[in-house]
Amino acid sequence: MCSMKTIVISPGEIKQIFFFINIKGRVLFKITNRSGTNSIGLRWIKGPFGSVENLGRITGTGSLEFKGFIWGKLKALDADSETVIQITERAEVANKFPPVEF
């Protein structure tokens, strides 16, 4: 699982930019926008209970680690101008479950 995805976010929008089920790894990102701040607000929503972790404003390039939860959504918000986010994931299966037989 290593493909680049490009997402465009306008001011006032909240967009899901990454979703996973039962994987762990990193999301690599690059943020650019028209205003030149090259930043966006990010938050993780983590399962199984939907807890929210506000990551604050993230700027430029970097990576975020994800692990320890069954599913997760990474959402972008608070764009100050039209913003482009490029993300790539580096992931592997987090928990191997035993086979189910009937």
PDB file of N, CA and C in Angstrom:
ATOM      1  N   MET A   1       0.833  -1.184   0.000  1.00  0.00           N
ATOM      2  CA  MET A   1       0.000   0.000   0.000  1.00  0.00           C
ATOM      3  C   MET A   1       0.875   1.243   0.000  1.00  0.00           C
ATOM      4  N   CYS A   2       1.152   1.735  -1.165  1.00  0.00           N
ATOM      5  CA  CYS A   2       2.006   2.907  -1.234  1.00  0.00           C
ATOM      6  C   CYS A   2       1.657   3.702  -2.485  1.00  0.00           C
ATOM      7  N   SER A   3       0.543   4.419  -2.432  1.00  0.00           N
ATOM      8  CA  SER A   3       0.130   5.217  -3.578  1.00  0.00           C
ATOM      9  C   SER A   3      -0.094   6.654  -3.128  1.00  0.00           C
ATOM     10  N   MET A   4       0.206   7.598  -4.012  1.00  0.00           N
ATOM     11  CA  MET A   4       0.019   9.002  -3.667  1.00  0.00           C
ATOM     12  C   MET A   4      -1.401   9.427  -4.009  1.00  0.00           C
ATOM     13  N   LYS A   5      -1.984  10.195  -3.111  1.00  0.00           N
ATOM     14  CA  LYS A   5      -3.325  10.722  -3.305  1.00  0.00           C
ATOM     15  C   LYS A   5      -3.237  12.232  -3.151  1.00  0.00           C
ATOM     16  N   THR A   6      -3.958  12.965  -4.011  1.00  0.00           N
ATOM     17  CA  THR A   6      -3.981  14.420  -3.951  1.00  0.00           C
ATOM     18  C   THR A   6      -5.400  14.871  -3.633  1.00  0.00           C
ATOM     19  N   ILE A   7      -5.534  15.721  -2.603  1.00  0.00           N
ATOM     20  CA  ILE A   7      -6.827  16.222  -2.159  1.00  0.00           C
ATOM     21  C   ILE A   7      -6.780  17.741  -2.170  1.00  0.00           C
ATOM     22  N   VAL A   8      -7.844  18.371  -2.688  1.00  0.00           N
ATOM     23  CA  VAL A   8      -7.950  19.831  -2.689  1.00  0.00           C
ATOM     24  C   VAL A   8      -9.037  20.215  -1.691  1.00  0.00           C
ATOM     25  N   ILE A   9      -8.717  21.147  -0.791  1.00  0.00           N
ATOM     26  CA  ILE A   9      -9.648  21.588   0.250  1.00  0.00           C
ATOM     27  C   ILE A   9      -9.815  23.097   0.155  1.00  0.00           C
ATOM     28  N   SER A  10     -11.052  23.539   0.146  1.00  0.00           N
ATOM     29  CA  SER A  10     -11.375  24.969   0.124  1.00  0.00           C
ATOM     30  C   SER A  10     -11.653  25.449   1.542  1.00  0.00           C
ATOM     31  N   PRO A  11     -11.532  26.755   1.797  1.00  0.00           N
ATOM     32  CA  PRO A  11     -11.862  27.286   3.124  1.00  0.00           C
ATOM     33  C   PRO A  11     -13.286  26.897   3.526  1.00  0.00           C
ATOM     34  N   GLY A  12     -13.445  26.495   4.775  1.00  0.00           N
ATOM     35  CA  GLY A  12     -14.751  26.101   5.294  1.00  0.00           C
ATOM     36  C   GLY A  12     -15.072  24.625   5.129  1.00  0.00           C
ATOM     37  N   GLU A  13     -14.305  23.905   4.335  1.00  0.00           N
ATOM     38  CA  GLU A  13     -14.558  22.479   4.122  1.00  0.00           C
ATOM     39  C   GLU A  13     -13.878  21.632   5.187  1.00  0.00           C
ATOM     40  N   ILE A  14     -14.461  20.482   5.452  1.00  0.00           N
ATOM     41  CA  ILE A  14     -13.834  19.424   6.243  1.00  0.00           C
ATOM     42  C   ILE A  14     -13.844  18.202   5.345  1.00  0.00           C
ATOM     43  N   LYS A  15     -12.666  17.640   5.091  1.00  0.00           N
ATOM     44  CA  LYS A  15     -12.571  16.480   4.200  1.00  0.00           C
ATOM     45  C   LYS A  15     -11.802  15.358   4.857  1.00  0.00           C
ATOM     46  N   GLN A  16     -12.297  14.156   4.635  1.00  0.00           N
ATOM     47  CA  GLN A  16     -11.553  12.966   5.039  1.00  0.00           C
ATOM     48  C   GLN A  16     -10.448  12.760   4.010  1.00  0.00           C
ATOM     49  N   ILE A  17      -9.195  12.692   4.479  1.00  0.00           N
ATOM     50  CA  ILE A  17      -8.094  12.543   3.535  1.00  0.00           C
ATOM     51  C   ILE A  17      -7.427  11.176   3.623  1.00  0.00           C
ATOM     52  N   PHE A  18      -7.766  10.409   4.674  1.00  0.00           N
ATOM     53  CA  PHE A  18      -7.174   9.087   4.827  1.00  0.00           C
ATOM     54  C   PHE A  18      -8.088   8.250   5.700  1.00  0.00           C
ATOM     55  N   PHE A  19      -8.243   6.978   5.350  1.00  0.00           N
ATOM     56  CA  PHE A  19      -9.058   6.046   6.126  1.00  0.00           C
ATOM     57  C   PHE A  19      -8.359   4.705   6.114  1.00  0.00           C
ATOM     58  N   PHE A  20      -8.395   3.990   7.256  1.00  0.00           N
ATOM     59  CA  PHE A  20      -7.807   2.663   7.278  1.00  0.00           C
ATOM     60  C   PHE A  20      -8.560   1.749   8.227  1.00  0.00           C
ATOM     61  N   ILE A  21      -8.398   0.458   7.984  1.00  0.00           N
ATOM     62  CA  ILE A  21      -8.921  -0.579   8.868  1.00  0.00           C
ATOM     63  C   ILE A  21      -7.805  -1.574   9.117  1.00  0.00           C
ATOM     64  N   ASN A  22      -7.465  -1.795  10.389  1.00  0.00           N
ATOM     65  CA  ASN A  22      -6.506  -2.809  10.833  1.00  0.00           C
ATOM     66  C   ASN A  22      -5.140  -2.728  10.143  1.00  0.00           C
ATOM     67  N   ILE A  23      -4.616  -1.534   9.981  1.00  0.00           N
ATOM     68  CA  ILE A  23      -3.239  -1.396   9.519  1.00  0.00           C
ATOM     69  C   ILE A  23      -2.500  -0.427  10.439  1.00  0.00           C
ATOM     70  N   LYS A  24      -1.188  -0.500  10.403  1.00  0.00           N
ATOM     71  CA  LYS A  24      -0.344   0.433  11.154  1.00  0.00           C
ATOM     72  C   LYS A  24       0.746   0.916  10.219  1.00  0.00           C
ATOM     73  N   GLY A  25       1.277   2.079  10.521  1.00  0.00           N
ATOM     74  CA  GLY A  25       2.333   2.625   9.679  1.00  0.00           C
ATOM     75  C   GLY A  25       2.406   4.131   9.754  1.00  0.00           C
ATOM     76  N   ARG A  26       2.678   4.764   8.618  1.00  0.00           N
ATOM     77  CA  ARG A  26       2.836   6.210   8.548  1.00  0.00           C
ATOM     78  C   ARG A  26       2.087   6.773   7.345  1.00  0.00           C
ATOM     79  N   VAL A  27       1.639   7.998   7.508  1.00  0.00           N
ATOM     80  CA  VAL A  27       1.102   8.787   6.412  1.00  0.00           C
ATOM     81  C   VAL A  27       2.092   9.915   6.178  1.00  0.00           C
ATOM     82  N   LEU A  28       2.642   9.995   4.974  1.00  0.00           N
ATOM     83  CA  LEU A  28       3.558  11.073   4.607  1.00  0.00           C
ATOM     84  C   LEU A  28       2.742  12.133   3.883  1.00  0.00           C
ATOM     85  N   PHE A  29       2.992  13.408   4.174  1.00  0.00           N
ATOM     86  CA  PHE A  29       2.169  14.456   3.575  1.00  0.00           C
ATOM     87  C   PHE A  29       2.996  15.651   3.108  1.00  0.00           C
ATOM     88  N   LYS A  30       2.409  16.378   2.156  1.00  0.00           N
ATOM     89  CA  LYS A  30       2.945  17.650   1.686  1.00  0.00           C
ATOM     90  C   LYS A  30       1.758  18.580   1.526  1.00  0.00           C
ATOM     91  N   ILE A  31       1.826  19.759   2.147  1.00  0.00           N
ATOM     92  CA  ILE A  31       0.727  20.715   2.137  1.00  0.00           C
ATOM     93  C   ILE A  31       1.183  21.987   1.422  1.00  0.00           C
ATOM     94  N   THR A  32       0.409  22.415   0.436  1.00  0.00           N
ATOM     95  CA  THR A  32       0.677  23.688  -0.241  1.00  0.00           C
ATOM     96  C   THR A  32      -0.651  24.415  -0.410  1.00  0.00           C
ATOM     97  N   ASN A  33      -0.596  25.760  -0.377  1.00  0.00           N
ATOM     98  CA  ASN A  33      -1.831  26.525  -0.600  1.00  0.00           C
ATOM     99  C   ASN A  33      -1.537  27.873  -1.235  1.00  0.00           C
ATOM    100  N   ARG A  34      -2.606  28.529  -1.652  1.00  0.00           N
ATOM    101  CA  ARG A  34      -2.483  29.812  -2.350  1.00  0.00           C
ATOM    102  C   ARG A  34      -1.983  30.930  -1.437  1.00  0.00           C
ATOM    103  N   SER A  35      -2.299  30.874  -0.148  1.00  0.00           N
ATOM    104  CA  SER A  35      -1.919  31.952   0.769  1.00  0.00           C
ATOM    105  C   SER A  35      -0.433  31.921   1.125  1.00  0.00           C
ATOM    106  N   GLY A  36       0.208  30.756   0.902  1.00  0.00           N
ATOM    107  CA  GLY A  36       1.631  30.643   1.225  1.00  0.00           C
ATOM    108  C   GLY A  36       1.907  30.151   2.635  1.00  0.00           C
ATOM    109  N   THR A  37       0.864  29.969   3.463  1.00  0.00           N
ATOM    110  CA  THR A  37       1.091  29.449   4.819  1.00  0.00           C
ATOM    111  C   THR A  37       1.401  27.962   4.793  1.00  0.00           C
ATOM    112  N   ASN A  38       0.930  27.271   3.742  1.00  0.00           N
ATOM    113  CA  ASN A  38       1.150  25.831   3.564  1.00  0.00           C
ATOM    114  C   ASN A  38       0.809  25.038   4.819  1.00  0.00           C
ATOM    115  N   SER A  39      -0.338  25.372   5.433  1.00  0.00           N
ATOM    116  CA  SER A  39      -0.756  24.674   6.641  1.00  0.00           C
ATOM    117  C   SER A  39      -2.247  24.359   6.585  1.00  0.00           C
ATOM    118  N   ILE A  40      -2.634  23.377   7.388  1.00  0.00           N
ATOM    119  CA  ILE A  40      -4.031  22.933   7.478  1.00  0.00           C
ATOM    120  C   ILE A  40      -4.235  22.323   8.866  1.00  0.00           C
ATOM    121  N   GLY A  41      -5.456  22.356   9.358  1.00  0.00           N
ATOM    122  CA  GLY A  41      -5.784  21.676  10.614  1.00  0.00           C
ATOM    123  C   GLY A  41      -6.057  20.208  10.338  1.00  0.00           C
ATOM    124  N   LEU A  42      -5.574  19.324  11.215  1.00  0.00           N
ATOM    125  CA  LEU A  42      -5.796  17.893  11.056  1.00  0.00           C
ATOM    126  C   LEU A  42      -6.326  17.299  12.348  1.00  0.00           C
ATOM    127  N   ARG A  43      -7.152  16.248  12.207  1.00  0.00           N
ATOM    128  CA  ARG A  43      -7.587  15.486  13.384  1.00  0.00           C
ATOM    129  C   ARG A  43      -7.786  14.032  13.015  1.00  0.00           C
ATOM    130  N   TRP A  44      -7.402  13.140  13.968  1.00  0.00           N
ATOM    131  CA  TRP A  44      -7.639  11.709  13.845  1.00  0.00           C
ATOM    132  C   TRP A  44      -8.962  11.400  14.514  1.00  0.00           C
ATOM    133  N   ILE A  45      -9.760  10.565  13.901  1.00  0.00           N
ATOM    134  CA  ILE A  45     -10.925   9.974  14.541  1.00  0.00           C
ATOM    135  C   ILE A  45     -10.616   8.482  14.594  1.00  0.00           C
ATOM    136  N   LYS A  46     -10.545   7.923  15.817  1.00  0.00           N
ATOM    137  CA  LYS A  46     -10.047   6.563  16.002  1.00  0.00           C
ATOM    138  C   LYS A  46     -11.120   5.627  16.524  1.00  0.00           C
ATOM    139  N   GLY A  47     -11.132   4.407  15.990  1.00  0.00           N
ATOM    140  CA  GLY A  47     -12.071   3.379  16.437  1.00  0.00           C
ATOM    141  C   GLY A  47     -11.392   2.424  17.383  1.00  0.00           C
ATOM    142  N   PRO A  48     -12.140   1.734  18.164  1.00  0.00           N
ATOM    143  CA  PRO A  48     -13.523   1.369  17.895  1.00  0.00           C
ATOM    144  C   PRO A  48     -14.572   2.347  18.437  1.00  0.00           C
ATOM    145  N   PHE A  49     -14.197   3.325  19.215  1.00  0.00           N
ATOM    146  CA  PHE A  49     -15.199   4.169  19.871  1.00  0.00           C
ATOM    147  C   PHE A  49     -15.329   5.564  19.277  1.00  0.00           C
ATOM    148  N   GLY A  50     -14.541   5.898  18.267  1.00  0.00           N
ATOM    149  CA  GLY A  50     -14.657   7.195  17.599  1.00  0.00           C
ATOM    150  C   GLY A  50     -14.054   8.353  18.374  1.00  0.00           C
ATOM    151  N   SER A  51     -13.030   8.070  19.198  1.00  0.00           N
ATOM    152  CA  SER A  51     -12.381   9.163  19.925  1.00  0.00           C
ATOM    153  C   SER A  51     -11.677  10.097  18.937  1.00  0.00           C
ATOM    154  N   VAL A  52     -11.615  11.378  19.281  1.00  0.00           N
ATOM    155  CA  VAL A  52     -11.052  12.388  18.388  1.00  0.00           C
ATOM    156  C   VAL A  52      -9.760  12.940  18.993  1.00  0.00           C
ATOM    157  N   GLU A  53      -8.710  12.976  18.188  1.00  0.00           N
ATOM    158  CA  GLU A  53      -7.436  13.577  18.592  1.00  0.00           C
ATOM    159  C   GLU A  53      -7.160  14.744  17.656  1.00  0.00           C
ATOM    160  N   ASN A  54      -7.220  15.956  18.188  1.00  0.00           N
ATOM    161  CA  ASN A  54      -6.954  17.150  17.400  1.00  0.00           C
ATOM    162  C   ASN A  54      -5.438  17.321  17.286  1.00  0.00           C
ATOM    163  N   LEU A  55      -4.916  17.320  16.073  1.00  0.00           N
ATOM    164  CA  LEU A  55      -3.478  17.453  15.846  1.00  0.00           C
ATOM    165  C   LEU A  55      -3.038  18.902  15.679  1.00  0.00           C
ATOM    166  N   GLY A  56      -4.002  19.838  15.629  1.00  0.00           N
ATOM    167  CA  GLY A  56      -3.675  21.243  15.440  1.00  0.00           C
ATOM    168  C   GLY A  56      -3.304  21.533  13.996  1.00  0.00           C
ATOM    169  N   ARG A  57      -2.611  22.654  13.777  1.00  0.00           N
ATOM    170  CA  ARG A  57      -2.191  23.033  12.425  1.00  0.00           C
ATOM    171  C   ARG A  57      -0.882  22.337  12.077  1.00  0.00           C
ATOM    172  N   ILE A  58      -0.878  21.734  10.919  1.00  0.00           N
ATOM    173  CA  ILE A  58       0.295  21.036  10.411  1.00  0.00           C
ATOM    174  C   ILE A  58       0.777  21.826   9.190  1.00  0.00           C
ATOM    175  N   THR A  59       2.090  22.014   9.084  1.00  0.00           N
ATOM    176  CA  THR A  59       2.657  22.857   8.032  1.00  0.00           C
ATOM    177  C   THR A  59       3.675  22.098   7.201  1.00  0.00           C
ATOM    178  N   GLY A  60       3.664  22.368   5.888  1.00  0.00           N
ATOM    179  CA  GLY A  60       4.717  21.887   4.993  1.00  0.00           C
ATOM    180  C   GLY A  60       4.681  20.398   4.733  1.00  0.00           C
ATOM    181  N   THR A  61       5.800  19.732   4.997  1.00  0.00           N
ATOM    182  CA  THR A  61       5.910  18.292   4.771  1.00  0.00           C
ATOM    183  C   THR A  61       6.215  17.589   6.080  1.00  0.00           C
ATOM    184  N   GLY A  62       5.880  16.311   6.135  1.00  0.00           N
ATOM    185  CA  GLY A  62       6.162  15.523   7.334  1.00  0.00           C
ATOM    186  C   GLY A  62       5.451  14.196   7.270  1.00  0.00           C
ATOM    187  N   SER A  63       5.326  13.557   8.438  1.00  0.00           N
ATOM    188  CA  SER A  63       4.638  12.274   8.500  1.00  0.00           C
ATOM    189  C   SER A  63       3.924  12.134   9.836  1.00  0.00           C
ATOM    190  N   LEU A  64       2.904  11.314   9.836  1.00  0.00           N
ATOM    191  CA  LEU A  64       2.133  10.997  11.037  1.00  0.00           C
ATOM    192  C   LEU A  64       2.104   9.487  11.196  1.00  0.00           C
ATOM    193  N   GLU A  65       2.315   9.008  12.405  1.00  0.00           N
ATOM    194  CA  GLU A  65       2.267   7.578  12.672  1.00  0.00           C
ATOM    195  C   GLU A  65       0.860   7.195  13.115  1.00  0.00           C
ATOM    196  N   PHE A  66       0.394   6.048  12.670  1.00  0.00           N
ATOM    197  CA  PHE A  66      -0.887   5.545  13.131  1.00  0.00           C
ATOM    198  C   PHE A  66      -0.716   4.096  13.552  1.00  0.00           C
ATOM    199  N   LYS A  67      -1.291   3.760  14.718  1.00  0.00           N
ATOM    200  CA  LYS A  67      -1.223   2.397  15.251  1.00  0.00           C
ATOM    201  C   LYS A  67      -2.169   2.293  16.442  1.00  0.00           C
ATOM    202  N   GLY A  68      -2.407   1.087  16.846  1.00  0.00           N
ATOM    203  CA  GLY A  68      -3.100   0.854  18.098  1.00  0.00           C
ATOM    204  C   GLY A  68      -4.600   1.042  18.097  1.00  0.00           C
ATOM    205  N   PHE A  69      -5.202   1.197  16.928  1.00  0.00           N
ATOM    206  CA  PHE A  69      -6.653   1.240  16.900  1.00  0.00           C
ATOM    207  C   PHE A  69      -7.155   0.454  15.696  1.00  0.00           C
ATOM    208  N   ILE A  70      -8.401   0.029  15.759  1.00  0.00           N
ATOM    209  CA  ILE A  70      -8.973  -0.866  14.754  1.00  0.00           C
ATOM    210  C   ILE A  70      -9.197  -0.152  13.433  1.00  0.00           C
ATOM    211  N   TRP A  71      -9.682   1.058  13.482  1.00  0.00           N
ATOM    212  CA  TRP A  71      -9.878   1.855  12.276  1.00  0.00           C
ATOM    213  C   TRP A  71      -9.565   3.307  12.596  1.00  0.00           C
ATOM    214  N   GLY A  72      -9.358   4.093  11.582  1.00  0.00           N
ATOM    215  CA  GLY A  72      -9.094   5.511  11.793  1.00  0.00           C
ATOM    216  C   GLY A  72      -9.397   6.326  10.549  1.00  0.00           C
ATOM    217  N   LYS A  73      -9.730   7.584  10.788  1.00  0.00           N
ATOM    218  CA  LYS A  73      -9.958   8.551   9.718  1.00  0.00           C
ATOM    219  C   LYS A  73      -9.110   9.771  10.022  1.00  0.00           C
ATOM    220  N   LEU A  74      -8.437  10.291   9.027  1.00  0.00           N
ATOM    221  CA  LEU A  74      -7.695  11.530   9.162  1.00  0.00           C
ATOM    222  C   LEU A  74      -8.478  12.588   8.394  1.00  0.00           C
ATOM    223  N   LYS A  75      -8.889  13.640   9.085  1.00  0.00           N
ATOM    224  CA  LYS A  75      -9.682  14.697   8.462  1.00  0.00           C
ATOM    225  C   LYS A  75      -8.907  16.003   8.462  1.00  0.00           C
ATOM    226  N   ALA A  76      -9.076  16.761   7.384  1.00  0.00           N
ATOM    227  CA  ALA A  76      -8.440  18.070   7.229  1.00  0.00           C
ATOM    228  C   ALA A  76      -9.520  19.142   7.343  1.00  0.00           C
ATOM    229  N   LEU A  77      -9.172  20.280   7.971  1.00  0.00           N
ATOM    230  CA  LEU A  77     -10.115  21.368   8.177  1.00  0.00           C
ATOM    231  C   LEU A  77      -9.362  22.670   8.373  1.00  0.00           C
ATOM    232  N   ASP A  78     -10.090  23.762   8.460  1.00  0.00           N
ATOM    233  CA  ASP A  78      -9.526  25.089   8.749  1.00  0.00           C
ATOM    234  C   ASP A  78      -8.535  25.577   7.696  1.00  0.00           C
ATOM    235  N   ALA A  79      -8.817  25.331   6.422  1.00  0.00           N
ATOM    236  CA  ALA A  79      -7.956  25.859   5.353  1.00  0.00           C
ATOM    237  C   ALA A  79      -8.126  27.372   5.279  1.00  0.00           C
ATOM    238  N   ASP A  80      -7.034  28.121   5.155  1.00  0.00           N
ATOM    239  CA  ASP A  80      -7.140  29.582   5.039  1.00  0.00           C
ATOM    240  C   ASP A  80      -7.209  30.049   3.584  1.00  0.00           C
ATOM    241  N   SER A  81      -6.988  29.119   2.651  1.00  0.00           N
ATOM    242  CA  SER A  81      -7.146  29.363   1.217  1.00  0.00           C
ATOM    243  C   SER A  81      -7.224  27.991   0.552  1.00  0.00           C
ATOM    244  N   GLU A  82      -7.430  27.963  -0.764  1.00  0.00           N
ATOM    245  CA  GLU A  82      -7.467  26.664  -1.435  1.00  0.00           C
ATOM    246  C   GLU A  82      -6.158  25.931  -1.149  1.00  0.00           C
ATOM    247  N   THR A  83      -6.274  24.716  -0.617  1.00  0.00           N
ATOM    248  CA  THR A  83      -5.118  23.962  -0.140  1.00  0.00           C
ATOM    249  C   THR A  83      -5.048  22.608  -0.827  1.00  0.00           C
ATOM    250  N   VAL A  84      -3.847  22.223  -1.229  1.00  0.00           N
ATOM    251  CA  VAL A  84      -3.608  20.917  -1.835  1.00  0.00           C
ATOM    252  C   VAL A  84      -2.801  20.087  -0.852  1.00  0.00           C
ATOM    253  N   ILE A  85      -3.304  18.884  -0.552  1.00  0.00           N
ATOM    254  CA  ILE A  85      -2.588  17.949   0.320  1.00  0.00           C
ATOM    255  C   ILE A  85      -2.266  16.717  -0.509  1.00  0.00           C
ATOM    256  N   GLN A  86      -0.995  16.359  -0.532  1.00  0.00           N
ATOM    257  CA  GLN A  86      -0.571  15.113  -1.167  1.00  0.00           C
ATOM    258  C   GLN A  86      -0.196  14.167  -0.041  1.00  0.00           C
ATOM    259  N   ILE A  87      -0.769  12.949  -0.058  1.00  0.00           N
ATOM    260  CA  ILE A  87      -0.444  11.980   0.986  1.00  0.00           C
ATOM    261  C   ILE A  87      -0.076  10.638   0.370  1.00  0.00           C
ATOM    262  N   THR A  88       0.811   9.965   1.050  1.00  0.00           N
ATOM    263  CA  THR A  88       1.231   8.611   0.705  1.00  0.00           C
ATOM    264  C   THR A  88       1.252   7.819   1.989  1.00  0.00           C
ATOM    265  N   GLU A  89       0.799   6.583   1.942  1.00  0.00           N
ATOM    266  CA  GLU A  89       0.817   5.752   3.141  1.00  0.00           C
ATOM    267  C   GLU A  89       1.895   4.686   3.040  1.00  0.00           C
ATOM    268  N   ARG A  90       2.460   4.362   4.164  1.00  0.00           N
ATOM    269  CA  ARG A  90       3.392   3.237   4.294  1.00  0.00           C
ATOM    270  C   ARG A  90       2.814   2.383   5.406  1.00  0.00           C
ATOM    271  N   ALA A  91       2.183   1.271   5.067  1.00  0.00           N
ATOM    272  CA  ALA A  91       1.407   0.540   6.055  1.00  0.00           C
ATOM    273  C   ALA A  91       1.593  -0.966   5.948  1.00  0.00           C
ATOM    274  N   GLU A  92       1.224  -1.640   7.043  1.00  0.00           N
ATOM    275  CA  GLU A  92       1.208  -3.098   7.104  1.00  0.00           C
ATOM    276  C   GLU A  92       0.059  -3.521   8.010  1.00  0.00           C
ATOM    277  N   VAL A  93      -0.311  -4.782   7.956  1.00  0.00           N
ATOM    278  CA  VAL A  93      -1.399  -5.288   8.785  1.00  0.00           C
ATOM    279  C   VAL A  93      -1.013  -5.146  10.256  1.00  0.00           C
ATOM    280  N   ALA A  94      -1.931  -4.630  11.062  1.00  0.00           N
ATOM    281  CA  ALA A  94      -1.657  -4.396  12.483  1.00  0.00           C
ATOM    282  C   ALA A  94      -1.892  -5.632  13.334  1.00  0.00           C
ATOM    283  N   ASN A  95      -3.035  -6.280  13.162  1.00  0.00           N
ATOM    284  CA  ASN A  95      -3.405  -7.438  13.984  1.00  0.00           C
ATOM    285  C   ASN A  95      -3.831  -8.580  13.078  1.00  0.00           C
ATOM    286  N   LYS A  96      -3.214  -9.722  13.282  1.00  0.00           N
ATOM    287  CA  LYS A  96      -3.592 -10.895  12.511  1.00  0.00           C
ATOM    288  C   LYS A  96      -4.578 -11.695  13.354  1.00  0.00           C
ATOM    289  N   PHE A  97      -5.744 -11.887  12.791  1.00  0.00           N
ATOM    290  CA  PHE A  97      -6.788 -12.605  13.512  1.00  0.00           C
ATOM    291  C   PHE A  97      -6.777 -14.074  13.089  1.00  0.00           C
ATOM    292  N   PRO A  98      -7.118 -14.970  14.020  1.00  0.00           N
ATOM    293  CA  PRO A  98      -7.145 -16.386  13.649  1.00  0.00           C
ATOM    294  C   PRO A  98      -8.257 -16.643  12.623  1.00  0.00           C
ATOM    295  N   PRO A  99      -8.081 -17.646  11.775  1.00  0.00           N
ATOM    296  CA  PRO A  99      -9.110 -17.941  10.788  1.00  0.00           C
ATOM    297  C   PRO A  99     -10.405 -18.395  11.465  1.00  0.00           C
ATOM    298  N   VAL A 100     -11.494 -18.086  10.833  1.00  0.00           N
ATOM    299  CA  VAL A 100     -12.803 -18.494  11.340  1.00  0.00           C
ATOM    300  C   VAL A 100     -13.283 -19.681  10.506  1.00  0.00           C
ATOM    301  N   GLU A 101     -13.640 -20.744  11.185  1.00  0.00           N
ATOM    302  CA  GLU A 101     -14.130 -21.935  10.476  1.00  0.00           C
ATOM    303  C   GLU A 101     -15.554 -22.218  10.901  1.00  0.00           C
ATOM    304  N   PHE A 102     -16.346 -22.679   9.964  1.00  0.00           N
ATOM    305  CA  PHE A 102     -17.752 -23.012  10.247  1.00  0.00           C
ATOM    306  C   PHE A 102     -17.985 -24.478  10.079  1.00  0.00           C
TER     307      PHE A 102
END
